[in-house]
Protein backbone atom coordinates (compact mmCIF):
# COMPACT_ATOMS: atom_id res chain seq x y z
CA UNK A 1 0.00 0.00 0.00
CA UNK A 2 2.87 2.36 0.74
CA UNK A 3 4.29 2.03 -2.78
CA UNK A 4 0.88 2.65 -4.30
CA UNK A 5 0.04 5.76 -2.26
CA UNK A 6 3.36 7.31 -1.22
CA UNK A 7 3.04 10.01 -3.92
CA UNK A 8 -0.38 10.89 -2.50
CA UNK A 9 0.85 11.44 1.05
CA UNK A 10 0.93 7.98 2.67
CA UNK A 11 3.71 7.82 5.26
CA UNK A 12 3.32 4.36 6.82
CA UNK A 13 3.39 0.81 5.50
CA UNK A 14 0.05 0.05 7.19
CA UNK A 15 -2.77 -1.34 5.11
CA UNK A 16 -5.97 -3.01 6.31
CA UNK A 17 -5.27 -6.72 6.66
CA UNK A 18 -1.52 -6.39 7.20
CA UNK A 19 -1.67 -7.18 10.92
CA UNK A 20 -3.98 -10.13 10.30
CA UNK A 21 -1.68 -11.51 7.63
CA UNK A 22 1.51 -11.22 9.60
CA UNK A 23 0.23 -12.05 13.10
CA UNK A 24 -2.37 -14.73 12.35
CA UNK A 25 -2.22 -16.18 8.86
CA UNK A 26 1.55 -16.73 8.56
CA UNK A 27 1.91 -18.54 11.92
CA UNK A 28 -1.21 -20.62 11.27
CA UNK A 29 -0.04 -21.51 7.76
CA UNK A 30 3.39 -22.46 9.06
CA UNK A 31 1.87 -24.68 11.74
CA UNK A 32 -0.44 -26.24 9.14
CA UNK A 33 2.42 -27.04 6.76
CA UNK A 34 4.46 -28.50 9.63
CA UNK A 35 1.51 -30.68 10.67
CA UNK A 36 0.95 -31.85 7.09
CA UNK A 37 4.58 -32.90 6.70
CA UNK A 38 4.35 -35.39 9.58
CA UNK A 39 1.01 -36.93 8.52
CA UNK A 40 0.84 -40.00 6.26
CA UNK A 41 -0.39 -39.36 2.71
CA UNK A 42 -3.55 -41.21 1.71
CA UNK A 43 -4.43 -40.81 -1.97
CA UNK A 44 -8.20 -40.60 -1.51
CA UNK A 45 -7.82 -37.83 1.07
CA UNK A 46 -5.48 -35.88 -1.20
CA UNK A 47 -7.93 -36.16 -4.10
CA UNK A 48 -10.80 -35.17 -1.79
CA UNK A 49 -8.87 -32.12 -0.62
CA UNK A 50 -8.14 -31.08 -4.19
CA UNK A 51 -11.84 -31.54 -5.02
CA UNK A 52 -12.92 -29.43 -2.05
CA UNK A 53 -10.40 -26.74 -2.97
CA UNK A 54 -11.61 -26.62 -6.58
CA UNK A 55 -15.25 -26.57 -5.46
CA UNK A 56 -14.62 -23.64 -3.14
CA UNK A 57 -12.58 -21.77 -5.75
CA UNK A 58 -15.15 -22.21 -8.51
CA UNK A 59 -18.51 -22.12 -6.72
CA UNK A 60 -17.79 -19.82 -3.78
CA UNK A 61 -15.27 -17.40 -5.32
CA UNK A 62 -15.17 -17.33 -9.14
CA UNK A 63 -18.87 -17.83 -9.87
CA UNK A 64 -20.17 -15.18 -7.39
CA UNK A 65 -17.46 -12.79 -8.60
CA UNK A 66 -18.50 -13.30 -12.25
CA UNK A 67 -22.17 -12.77 -11.38
CA UNK A 68 -21.32 -9.66 -9.37
CA UNK A 69 -19.33 -8.19 -12.25
CA UNK A 70 -22.21 -8.83 -14.66
CA UNK A 71 -25.04 -7.59 -12.44
CA UNK A 72 -23.28 -4.46 -11.03
CA UNK A 73 -25.58 -4.44 -8.01
CA UNK A 74 -25.98 -1.09 -6.27
CA UNK A 75 -27.41 -2.83 -3.22
CA UNK A 76 -24.15 -4.60 -2.32
CA UNK A 77 -21.68 -2.00 -3.60
CA UNK A 78 -19.44 -0.21 -1.11
CA UNK A 79 -20.62 3.34 -0.34
CA UNK A 80 -17.17 4.69 0.32
CA UNK A 81 -13.51 3.70 0.07
CA UNK A 82 -13.02 3.58 3.84
CA UNK A 83 -9.40 3.85 4.95
CA UNK A 84 -8.21 4.68 1.43
CA UNK A 85 -10.65 7.57 0.87
CA UNK A 86 -8.01 10.14 1.75
CA UNK A 87 -5.61 8.76 -0.89
CA UNK A 88 -8.13 8.23 -3.71
CA UNK A 89 -9.38 11.81 -4.11
PDB file of N, CA and C in Angstrom:
ATOM      1  N   UNK A   1       0.814  -1.178   0.000  1.00  0.00           N
ATOM      2  CA  UNK A   1       0.000   0.000   0.000  1.00  0.00           C
ATOM      3  C   UNK A   1       0.868   1.256   0.000  1.00  0.00           C
ATOM      4  N   UNK A   2       2.001   1.181   0.687  1.00  0.00           N
ATOM      5  CA  UNK A   2       2.870   2.359   0.738  1.00  0.00           C
ATOM      6  C   UNK A   2       3.358   2.737  -0.655  1.00  0.00           C
ATOM      7  N   UNK A   3       3.802   1.738  -1.425  1.00  0.00           N
ATOM      8  CA  UNK A   3       4.289   2.034  -2.776  1.00  0.00           C
ATOM      9  C   UNK A   3       3.196   2.642  -3.648  1.00  0.00           C
ATOM     10  N   UNK A   4       1.978   2.167  -3.471  1.00  0.00           N
ATOM     11  CA  UNK A   4       0.877   2.647  -4.296  1.00  0.00           C
ATOM     12  C   UNK A   4       0.488   4.090  -3.966  1.00  0.00           C
ATOM     13  N   UNK A   5       0.548   4.462  -2.682  1.00  0.00           N
ATOM     14  CA  UNK A   5       0.036   5.757  -2.259  1.00  0.00           C
ATOM     15  C   UNK A   5       1.087   6.724  -1.716  1.00  0.00           C
ATOM     16  N   UNK A   6       2.354   6.411  -1.802  1.00  0.00           N
ATOM     17  CA  UNK A   6       3.356   7.313  -1.218  1.00  0.00           C
ATOM     18  C   UNK A   6       3.372   8.680  -1.913  1.00  0.00           C
ATOM     19  N   UNK A   7       3.087   8.716  -3.224  1.00  0.00           N
ATOM     20  CA  UNK A   7       3.039  10.008  -3.920  1.00  0.00           C
ATOM     21  C   UNK A   7       1.838  10.848  -3.492  1.00  0.00           C
ATOM     22  N   UNK A   8       0.841  10.197  -2.907  1.00  0.00           N
ATOM     23  CA  UNK A   8      -0.379  10.888  -2.503  1.00  0.00           C
ATOM     24  C   UNK A   8      -0.396  11.207  -1.015  1.00  0.00           C
ATOM     25  N   UNK A   9       0.753  11.029  -0.333  1.00  0.00           N
ATOM     26  CA  UNK A   9       0.855  11.438   1.055  1.00  0.00           C
ATOM     27  C   UNK A   9       0.912  10.334   2.091  1.00  0.00           C
ATOM     28  N   UNK A  10       0.871   9.081   1.693  1.00  0.00           N
ATOM     29  CA  UNK A  10       0.934   7.981   2.670  1.00  0.00           C
ATOM     30  C   UNK A  10       2.336   7.915   3.263  1.00  0.00           C
ATOM     31  N   UNK A  11       2.412   7.823   4.588  1.00  0.00           N
ATOM     32  CA  UNK A  11       3.706   7.825   5.255  1.00  0.00           C
ATOM     33  C   UNK A  11       4.046   6.515   5.953  1.00  0.00           C
ATOM     34  N   UNK A  12       3.086   5.620   6.114  1.00  0.00           N
ATOM     35  CA  UNK A  12       3.320   4.359   6.819  1.00  0.00           C
ATOM     36  C   UNK A  12       3.102   3.174   5.884  1.00  0.00           C
ATOM     37  N   UNK A  13       3.583   2.004   6.303  1.00  0.00           N
ATOM     38  CA  UNK A  13       3.388   0.808   5.496  1.00  0.00           C
ATOM     39  C   UNK A  13       2.076   0.115   5.825  1.00  0.00           C
ATOM     40  N   UNK A  14       1.303   0.681   6.760  1.00  0.00           N
ATOM     41  CA  UNK A  14       0.052   0.048   7.191  1.00  0.00           C
ATOM     42  C   UNK A  14      -0.955  -0.026   6.047  1.00  0.00           C
ATOM     43  N   UNK A  15      -1.629  -1.152   5.993  1.00  0.00           N
ATOM     44  CA  UNK A  15      -2.771  -1.337   5.110  1.00  0.00           C
ATOM     45  C   UNK A  15      -3.722  -2.284   5.812  1.00  0.00           C
ATOM     46  N   UNK A  16      -5.021  -2.107   5.660  1.00  0.00           N
ATOM     47  CA  UNK A  16      -5.966  -3.015   6.309  1.00  0.00           C
ATOM     48  C   UNK A  16      -5.678  -4.460   5.930  1.00  0.00           C
ATOM     49  N   UNK A  17      -5.570  -5.319   6.906  1.00  0.00           N
ATOM     50  CA  UNK A  17      -5.272  -6.722   6.655  1.00  0.00           C
ATOM     51  C   UNK A  17      -3.813  -7.082   6.898  1.00  0.00           C
ATOM     52  N   UNK A  18      -2.941  -6.110   7.000  1.00  0.00           N
ATOM     53  CA  UNK A  18      -1.521  -6.387   7.198  1.00  0.00           C
ATOM     54  C   UNK A  18      -1.278  -7.090   8.529  1.00  0.00           C
ATOM     55  N   UNK A  19      -1.869  -6.582   9.594  1.00  0.00           N
ATOM     56  CA  UNK A  19      -1.668  -7.182  10.916  1.00  0.00           C
ATOM     57  C   UNK A  19      -2.232  -8.602  10.956  1.00  0.00           C
ATOM     58  N   UNK A  20      -3.388  -8.799  10.344  1.00  0.00           N
ATOM     59  CA  UNK A  20      -3.978 -10.132  10.302  1.00  0.00           C
ATOM     60  C   UNK A  20      -3.068 -11.096   9.550  1.00  0.00           C
ATOM     61  N   UNK A  21      -2.555 -10.649   8.426  1.00  0.00           N
ATOM     62  CA  UNK A  21      -1.682 -11.513   7.627  1.00  0.00           C
ATOM     63  C   UNK A  21      -0.430 -11.905   8.391  1.00  0.00           C
ATOM     64  N   UNK A  22       0.232 -10.949   8.950  1.00  0.00           N
ATOM     65  CA  UNK A  22       1.512 -11.222   9.603  1.00  0.00           C
ATOM     66  C   UNK A  22       1.350 -11.926  10.946  1.00  0.00           C
ATOM     67  N   UNK A  23       0.364 -11.521  11.729  1.00  0.00           N
ATOM     68  CA  UNK A  23       0.235 -12.046  13.095  1.00  0.00           C
ATOM     69  C   UNK A  23      -0.607 -13.320  13.201  1.00  0.00           C
ATOM     70  N   UNK A  24      -1.501 -13.555  12.253  1.00  0.00           N
ATOM     71  CA  UNK A  24      -2.366 -14.727  12.348  1.00  0.00           C
ATOM     72  C   UNK A  24      -2.146 -15.726  11.212  1.00  0.00           C
ATOM     73  N   UNK A  25      -2.234 -15.259   9.996  1.00  0.00           N
ATOM     74  CA  UNK A  25      -2.222 -16.177   8.859  1.00  0.00           C
ATOM     75  C   UNK A  25      -0.858 -16.846   8.637  1.00  0.00           C
ATOM     76  N   UNK A  26       0.227 -16.123   8.771  1.00  0.00           N
ATOM     77  CA  UNK A  26       1.549 -16.728   8.565  1.00  0.00           C
ATOM     78  C   UNK A  26       1.859 -17.774   9.632  1.00  0.00           C
ATOM     79  N   UNK A  27       1.671 -17.480  10.920  1.00  0.00           N
ATOM     80  CA  UNK A  27       1.912 -18.536  11.918  1.00  0.00           C
ATOM     81  C   UNK A  27       0.987 -19.741  11.755  1.00  0.00           C
ATOM     82  N   UNK A  28      -0.293 -19.507  11.465  1.00  0.00           N
ATOM     83  CA  UNK A  28      -1.213 -20.624  11.270  1.00  0.00           C
ATOM     84  C   UNK A  28      -0.846 -21.450  10.044  1.00  0.00           C
ATOM     85  N   UNK A  29      -0.450 -20.794   8.971  1.00  0.00           N
ATOM     86  CA  UNK A  29      -0.043 -21.510   7.762  1.00  0.00           C
ATOM     87  C   UNK A  29       1.217 -22.327   8.011  1.00  0.00           C
ATOM     88  N   UNK A  30       2.157 -21.755   8.733  1.00  0.00           N
ATOM     89  CA  UNK A  30       3.394 -22.457   9.057  1.00  0.00           C
ATOM     90  C   UNK A  30       3.095 -23.696   9.900  1.00  0.00           C
ATOM     91  N   UNK A  31       2.251 -23.543  10.902  1.00  0.00           N
ATOM     92  CA  UNK A  31       1.872 -24.684  11.739  1.00  0.00           C
ATOM     93  C   UNK A  31       1.138 -25.738  10.911  1.00  0.00           C
ATOM     94  N   UNK A  32       0.280 -25.305   9.997  1.00  0.00           N
ATOM     95  CA  UNK A  32      -0.437 -26.243   9.138  1.00  0.00           C
ATOM     96  C   UNK A  32       0.488 -27.030   8.226  1.00  0.00           C
ATOM     97  N   UNK A  33       1.455 -26.352   7.635  1.00  0.00           N
ATOM     98  CA  UNK A  33       2.418 -27.036   6.764  1.00  0.00           C
ATOM     99  C   UNK A  33       3.257 -28.011   7.574  1.00  0.00           C
ATOM    100  N   UNK A  34       3.680 -27.610   8.773  1.00  0.00           N
ATOM    101  CA  UNK A  34       4.464 -28.504   9.629  1.00  0.00           C
ATOM    102  C   UNK A  34       3.645 -29.743   9.985  1.00  0.00           C
ATOM    103  N   UNK A  35       2.375 -29.548  10.335  1.00  0.00           N
ATOM    104  CA  UNK A  35       1.513 -30.675  10.672  1.00  0.00           C
ATOM    105  C   UNK A  35       1.333 -31.599   9.469  1.00  0.00           C
ATOM    106  N   UNK A  36       1.139 -31.030   8.290  1.00  0.00           N
ATOM    107  CA  UNK A  36       0.947 -31.845   7.086  1.00  0.00           C
ATOM    108  C   UNK A  36       2.176 -32.683   6.739  1.00  0.00           C
ATOM    109  N   UNK A  37       3.359 -32.167   7.040  1.00  0.00           N
ATOM    110  CA  UNK A  37       4.585 -32.900   6.696  1.00  0.00           C
ATOM    111  C   UNK A  37       4.785 -34.152   7.547  1.00  0.00           C
ATOM    112  N   UNK A  38       4.173 -34.213   8.722  1.00  0.00           N
ATOM    113  CA  UNK A  38       4.354 -35.389   9.576  1.00  0.00           C
ATOM    114  C   UNK A  38       3.200 -36.386   9.461  1.00  0.00           C
ATOM    115  N   UNK A  39       2.156 -36.052   8.688  1.00  0.00           N
ATOM    116  CA  UNK A  39       1.009 -36.930   8.519  1.00  0.00           C
ATOM    117  C   UNK A  39       1.232 -37.869   7.328  1.00  0.00           C
ATOM    118  N   UNK A  40       0.722 -39.085   7.410  1.00  0.00           N
ATOM    119  CA  UNK A  40       0.839 -39.996   6.258  1.00  0.00           C
ATOM    120  C   UNK A  40      -0.072 -39.540   5.120  1.00  0.00           C
ATOM    121  N   UNK A  41       0.395 -39.735   3.890  1.00  0.00           N
ATOM    122  CA  UNK A  41      -0.392 -39.359   2.714  1.00  0.00           C
ATOM    123  C   UNK A  41      -1.295 -40.513   2.307  1.00  0.00           C
ATOM    124  N   UNK A  42      -2.583 -40.224   2.171  1.00  0.00           N
ATOM    125  CA  UNK A  42      -3.554 -41.206   1.708  1.00  0.00           C
ATOM    126  C   UNK A  42      -4.170 -40.613   0.437  1.00  0.00           C
ATOM    127  N   UNK A  43      -4.040 -41.323  -0.667  1.00  0.00           N
ATOM    128  CA  UNK A  43      -4.429 -40.807  -1.973  1.00  0.00           C
ATOM    129  C   UNK A  43      -5.863 -40.300  -2.013  1.00  0.00           C
ATOM    130  N   UNK A  44      -6.799 -41.013  -1.458  1.00  0.00           N
ATOM    131  CA  UNK A  44      -8.202 -40.601  -1.511  1.00  0.00           C
ATOM    132  C   UNK A  44      -8.419 -39.290  -0.756  1.00  0.00           C
ATOM    133  N   UNK A  45      -7.699 -39.079   0.331  1.00  0.00           N
ATOM    134  CA  UNK A  45      -7.816 -37.828   1.074  1.00  0.00           C
ATOM    135  C   UNK A  45      -7.201 -36.664   0.297  1.00  0.00           C
ATOM    136  N   UNK A  46      -6.100 -36.925  -0.392  1.00  0.00           N
ATOM    137  CA  UNK A  46      -5.481 -35.882  -1.204  1.00  0.00           C
ATOM    138  C   UNK A  46      -6.421 -35.478  -2.335  1.00  0.00           C
ATOM    139  N   UNK A  47      -7.000 -36.453  -3.021  1.00  0.00           N
ATOM    140  CA  UNK A  47      -7.932 -36.158  -4.103  1.00  0.00           C
ATOM    141  C   UNK A  47      -9.182 -35.450  -3.575  1.00  0.00           C
ATOM    142  N   UNK A  48      -9.659 -35.850  -2.416  1.00  0.00           N
ATOM    143  CA  UNK A  48     -10.798 -35.174  -1.794  1.00  0.00           C
ATOM    144  C   UNK A  48     -10.480 -33.728  -1.454  1.00  0.00           C
ATOM    145  N   UNK A  49      -9.289 -33.487  -0.942  1.00  0.00           N
ATOM    146  CA  UNK A  49      -8.867 -32.125  -0.620  1.00  0.00           C
ATOM    147  C   UNK A  49      -8.763 -31.254  -1.858  1.00  0.00           C
ATOM    148  N   UNK A  50      -8.229 -31.822  -2.936  1.00  0.00           N
ATOM    149  CA  UNK A  50      -8.141 -31.079  -4.192  1.00  0.00           C
ATOM    150  C   UNK A  50      -9.551 -30.776  -4.712  1.00  0.00           C
ATOM    151  N   UNK A  51     -10.450 -31.755  -4.605  1.00  0.00           N
ATOM    152  CA  UNK A  51     -11.839 -31.537  -5.018  1.00  0.00           C
ATOM    153  C   UNK A  51     -12.528 -30.450  -4.213  1.00  0.00           C
ATOM    154  N   UNK A  52     -12.338 -30.467  -2.905  1.00  0.00           N
ATOM    155  CA  UNK A  52     -12.924 -29.433  -2.046  1.00  0.00           C
ATOM    156  C   UNK A  52     -12.351 -28.067  -2.405  1.00  0.00           C
ATOM    157  N   UNK A  53     -11.047 -28.008  -2.597  1.00  0.00           N
ATOM    158  CA  UNK A  53     -10.397 -26.742  -2.972  1.00  0.00           C
ATOM    159  C   UNK A  53     -10.975 -26.199  -4.279  1.00  0.00           C
ATOM    160  N   UNK A  54     -11.073 -27.060  -5.294  1.00  0.00           N
ATOM    161  CA  UNK A  54     -11.605 -26.623  -6.583  1.00  0.00           C
ATOM    162  C   UNK A  54     -13.070 -26.206  -6.465  1.00  0.00           C
ATOM    163  N   UNK A  55     -13.846 -26.938  -5.674  1.00  0.00           N
ATOM    164  CA  UNK A  55     -15.247 -26.574  -5.463  1.00  0.00           C
ATOM    165  C   UNK A  55     -15.387 -25.201  -4.820  1.00  0.00           C
ATOM    166  N   UNK A  56     -14.584 -24.948  -3.803  1.00  0.00           N
ATOM    167  CA  UNK A  56     -14.618 -23.639  -3.142  1.00  0.00           C
ATOM    168  C   UNK A  56     -14.182 -22.550  -4.109  1.00  0.00           C
ATOM    169  N   UNK A  57     -13.093 -22.784  -4.831  1.00  0.00           N
ATOM    170  CA  UNK A  57     -12.582 -21.775  -5.754  1.00  0.00           C
ATOM    171  C   UNK A  57     -13.594 -21.438  -6.838  1.00  0.00           C
ATOM    172  N   UNK A  58     -14.227 -22.448  -7.402  1.00  0.00           N
ATOM    173  CA  UNK A  58     -15.153 -22.209  -8.507  1.00  0.00           C
ATOM    174  C   UNK A  58     -16.504 -21.697  -8.014  1.00  0.00           C
ATOM    175  N   UNK A  59     -17.144 -22.424  -7.089  1.00  0.00           N
ATOM    176  CA  UNK A  59     -18.515 -22.116  -6.717  1.00  0.00           C
ATOM    177  C   UNK A  59     -18.664 -21.033  -5.650  1.00  0.00           C
ATOM    178  N   UNK A  60     -17.662 -20.822  -4.837  1.00  0.00           N
ATOM    179  CA  UNK A  60     -17.789 -19.823  -3.778  1.00  0.00           C
ATOM    180  C   UNK A  60     -16.949 -18.573  -4.005  1.00  0.00           C
ATOM    181  N   UNK A  61     -16.082 -18.587  -5.027  1.00  0.00           N
ATOM    182  CA  UNK A  61     -15.269 -17.398  -5.315  1.00  0.00           C
ATOM    183  C   UNK A  61     -15.486 -16.935  -6.756  1.00  0.00           C
ATOM    184  N   UNK A  62     -15.127 -17.758  -7.739  1.00  0.00           N
ATOM    185  CA  UNK A  62     -15.172 -17.328  -9.135  1.00  0.00           C
ATOM    186  C   UNK A  62     -16.597 -17.077  -9.647  1.00  0.00           C
ATOM    187  N   UNK A  63     -17.499 -17.981  -9.378  1.00  0.00           N
ATOM    188  CA  UNK A  63     -18.871 -17.829  -9.869  1.00  0.00           C
ATOM    189  C   UNK A  63     -19.568 -16.596  -9.269  1.00  0.00           C
ATOM    190  N   UNK A  64     -19.553 -16.405  -7.932  1.00  0.00           N
ATOM    191  CA  UNK A  64     -20.171 -15.180  -7.391  1.00  0.00           C
ATOM    192  C   UNK A  64     -19.491 -13.910  -7.901  1.00  0.00           C
ATOM    193  N   UNK A  65     -18.171 -13.960  -8.085  1.00  0.00           N
ATOM    194  CA  UNK A  65     -17.463 -12.789  -8.603  1.00  0.00           C
ATOM    195  C   UNK A  65     -17.921 -12.472 -10.023  1.00  0.00           C
ATOM    196  N   UNK A  66     -18.046 -13.497 -10.873  1.00  0.00           N
ATOM    197  CA  UNK A  66     -18.496 -13.295 -12.252  1.00  0.00           C
ATOM    198  C   UNK A  66     -19.919 -12.744 -12.279  1.00  0.00           C
ATOM    199  N   UNK A  67     -20.797 -13.272 -11.438  1.00  0.00           N
ATOM    200  CA  UNK A  67     -22.173 -12.768 -11.380  1.00  0.00           C
ATOM    201  C   UNK A  67     -22.190 -11.321 -10.901  1.00  0.00           C
ATOM    202  N   UNK A  68     -21.385 -11.021  -9.899  1.00  0.00           N
ATOM    203  CA  UNK A  68     -21.319  -9.664  -9.369  1.00  0.00           C
ATOM    204  C   UNK A  68     -20.828  -8.674 -10.419  1.00  0.00           C
ATOM    205  N   UNK A  69     -19.848  -9.081 -11.209  1.00  0.00           N
ATOM    206  CA  UNK A  69     -19.327  -8.194 -12.254  1.00  0.00           C
ATOM    207  C   UNK A  69     -20.383  -7.956 -13.339  1.00  0.00           C
ATOM    208  N   UNK A  70     -21.194  -8.948 -13.624  1.00  0.00           N
ATOM    209  CA  UNK A  70     -22.212  -8.830 -14.664  1.00  0.00           C
ATOM    210  C   UNK A  70     -23.420  -8.021 -14.192  1.00  0.00           C
ATOM    211  N   UNK A  71     -23.832  -8.221 -12.945  1.00  0.00           N
ATOM    212  CA  UNK A  71     -25.044  -7.590 -12.438  1.00  0.00           C
ATOM    213  C   UNK A  71     -24.797  -6.129 -12.046  1.00  0.00           C
ATOM    214  N   UNK A  72     -23.622  -5.817 -11.515  1.00  0.00           N
ATOM    215  CA  UNK A  72     -23.283  -4.463 -11.035  1.00  0.00           C
ATOM    216  C   UNK A  72     -24.314  -3.954 -10.025  1.00  0.00           C
ATOM    217  N   UNK A  73     -24.563  -4.742  -9.003  1.00  0.00           N
ATOM    218  CA  UNK A  73     -25.579  -4.440  -8.008  1.00  0.00           C
ATOM    219  C   UNK A  73     -25.221  -3.199  -7.201  1.00  0.00           C
ATOM    220  N   UNK A  74     -26.161  -2.282  -7.111  1.00  0.00           N
ATOM    221  CA  UNK A  74     -25.982  -1.086  -6.275  1.00  0.00           C
ATOM    222  C   UNK A  74     -26.234  -1.430  -4.805  1.00  0.00           C
ATOM    223  N   UNK A  75     -27.049  -2.450  -4.574  1.00  0.00           N
ATOM    224  CA  UNK A  75     -27.413  -2.831  -3.217  1.00  0.00           C
ATOM    225  C   UNK A  75     -26.204  -3.297  -2.412  1.00  0.00           C
ATOM    226  N   UNK A  76     -25.290  -4.041  -3.040  1.00  0.00           N
ATOM    227  CA  UNK A  76     -24.151  -4.600  -2.322  1.00  0.00           C
ATOM    228  C   UNK A  76     -22.845  -3.859  -2.584  1.00  0.00           C
ATOM    229  N   UNK A  77     -22.893  -2.772  -3.309  1.00  0.00           N
ATOM    230  CA  UNK A  77     -21.682  -1.997  -3.602  1.00  0.00           C
ATOM    231  C   UNK A  77     -21.254  -1.217  -2.351  1.00  0.00           C
ATOM    232  N   UNK A  78     -19.944  -1.008  -2.216  1.00  0.00           N
ATOM    233  CA  UNK A  78     -19.440  -0.206  -1.110  1.00  0.00           C
ATOM    234  C   UNK A  78     -19.836   1.252  -1.335  1.00  0.00           C
ATOM    235  N   UNK A  79     -20.229   1.935  -0.247  1.00  0.00           N
ATOM    236  CA  UNK A  79     -20.624   3.336  -0.343  1.00  0.00           C
ATOM    237  C   UNK A  79     -19.424   4.267  -0.354  1.00  0.00           C
ATOM    238  N   UNK A  80     -18.363   3.858   0.302  1.00  0.00           N
ATOM    239  CA  UNK A  80     -17.165   4.689   0.323  1.00  0.00           C
ATOM    240  C   UNK A  80     -15.919   3.814   0.252  1.00  0.00           C
ATOM    241  N   UNK A  81     -14.769   4.440   0.197  1.00  0.00           N
ATOM    242  CA  UNK A  81     -13.512   3.702   0.068  1.00  0.00           C
ATOM    243  C   UNK A  81     -12.844   3.474   1.415  1.00  0.00           C
ATOM    244  N   UNK A  82     -13.508   3.849   2.492  1.00  0.00           N
ATOM    245  CA  UNK A  82     -13.019   3.582   3.840  1.00  0.00           C
ATOM    246  C   UNK A  82     -11.658   4.197   4.110  1.00  0.00           C
ATOM    247  N   UNK A  83     -10.746   3.404   4.583  1.00  0.00           N
ATOM    248  CA  UNK A  83      -9.396   3.855   4.950  1.00  0.00           C
ATOM    249  C   UNK A  83      -8.702   4.577   3.797  1.00  0.00           C
ATOM    250  N   UNK A  84      -8.941   4.141   2.574  1.00  0.00           N
ATOM    251  CA  UNK A  84      -8.215   4.679   1.432  1.00  0.00           C
ATOM    252  C   UNK A  84      -8.865   5.924   0.827  1.00  0.00           C
ATOM    253  N   UNK A  85      -9.960   6.397   1.399  1.00  0.00           N
ATOM    254  CA  UNK A  85     -10.655   7.571   0.872  1.00  0.00           C
ATOM    255  C   UNK A  85      -9.721   8.773   0.756  1.00  0.00           C
ATOM    256  N   UNK A  86      -8.889   8.976   1.746  1.00  0.00           N
ATOM    257  CA  UNK A  86      -8.012  10.144   1.747  1.00  0.00           C
ATOM    258  C   UNK A  86      -6.934  10.087   0.678  1.00  0.00           C
ATOM    259  N   UNK A  87      -6.632   8.897   0.144  1.00  0.00           N
ATOM    260  CA  UNK A  87      -5.612   8.761  -0.892  1.00  0.00           C
ATOM    261  C   UNK A  87      -6.197   8.665  -2.289  1.00  0.00           C
ATOM    262  N   UNK A  88      -7.490   8.440  -2.407  1.00  0.00           N
ATOM    263  CA  UNK A  88      -8.130   8.233  -3.714  1.00  0.00           C
ATOM    264  C   UNK A  88      -8.900   9.449  -4.195  1.00  0.00           C
ATOM    265  N   UNK A  89      -8.637  10.606  -3.686  1.00  0.00           N
ATOM    266  CA  UNK A  89      -9.378  11.807  -4.106  1.00  0.00           C
ATOM    267  C   UNK A  89      -9.072  12.199  -5.498  1.00  0.00           C
TER     268      UNK A  89
END
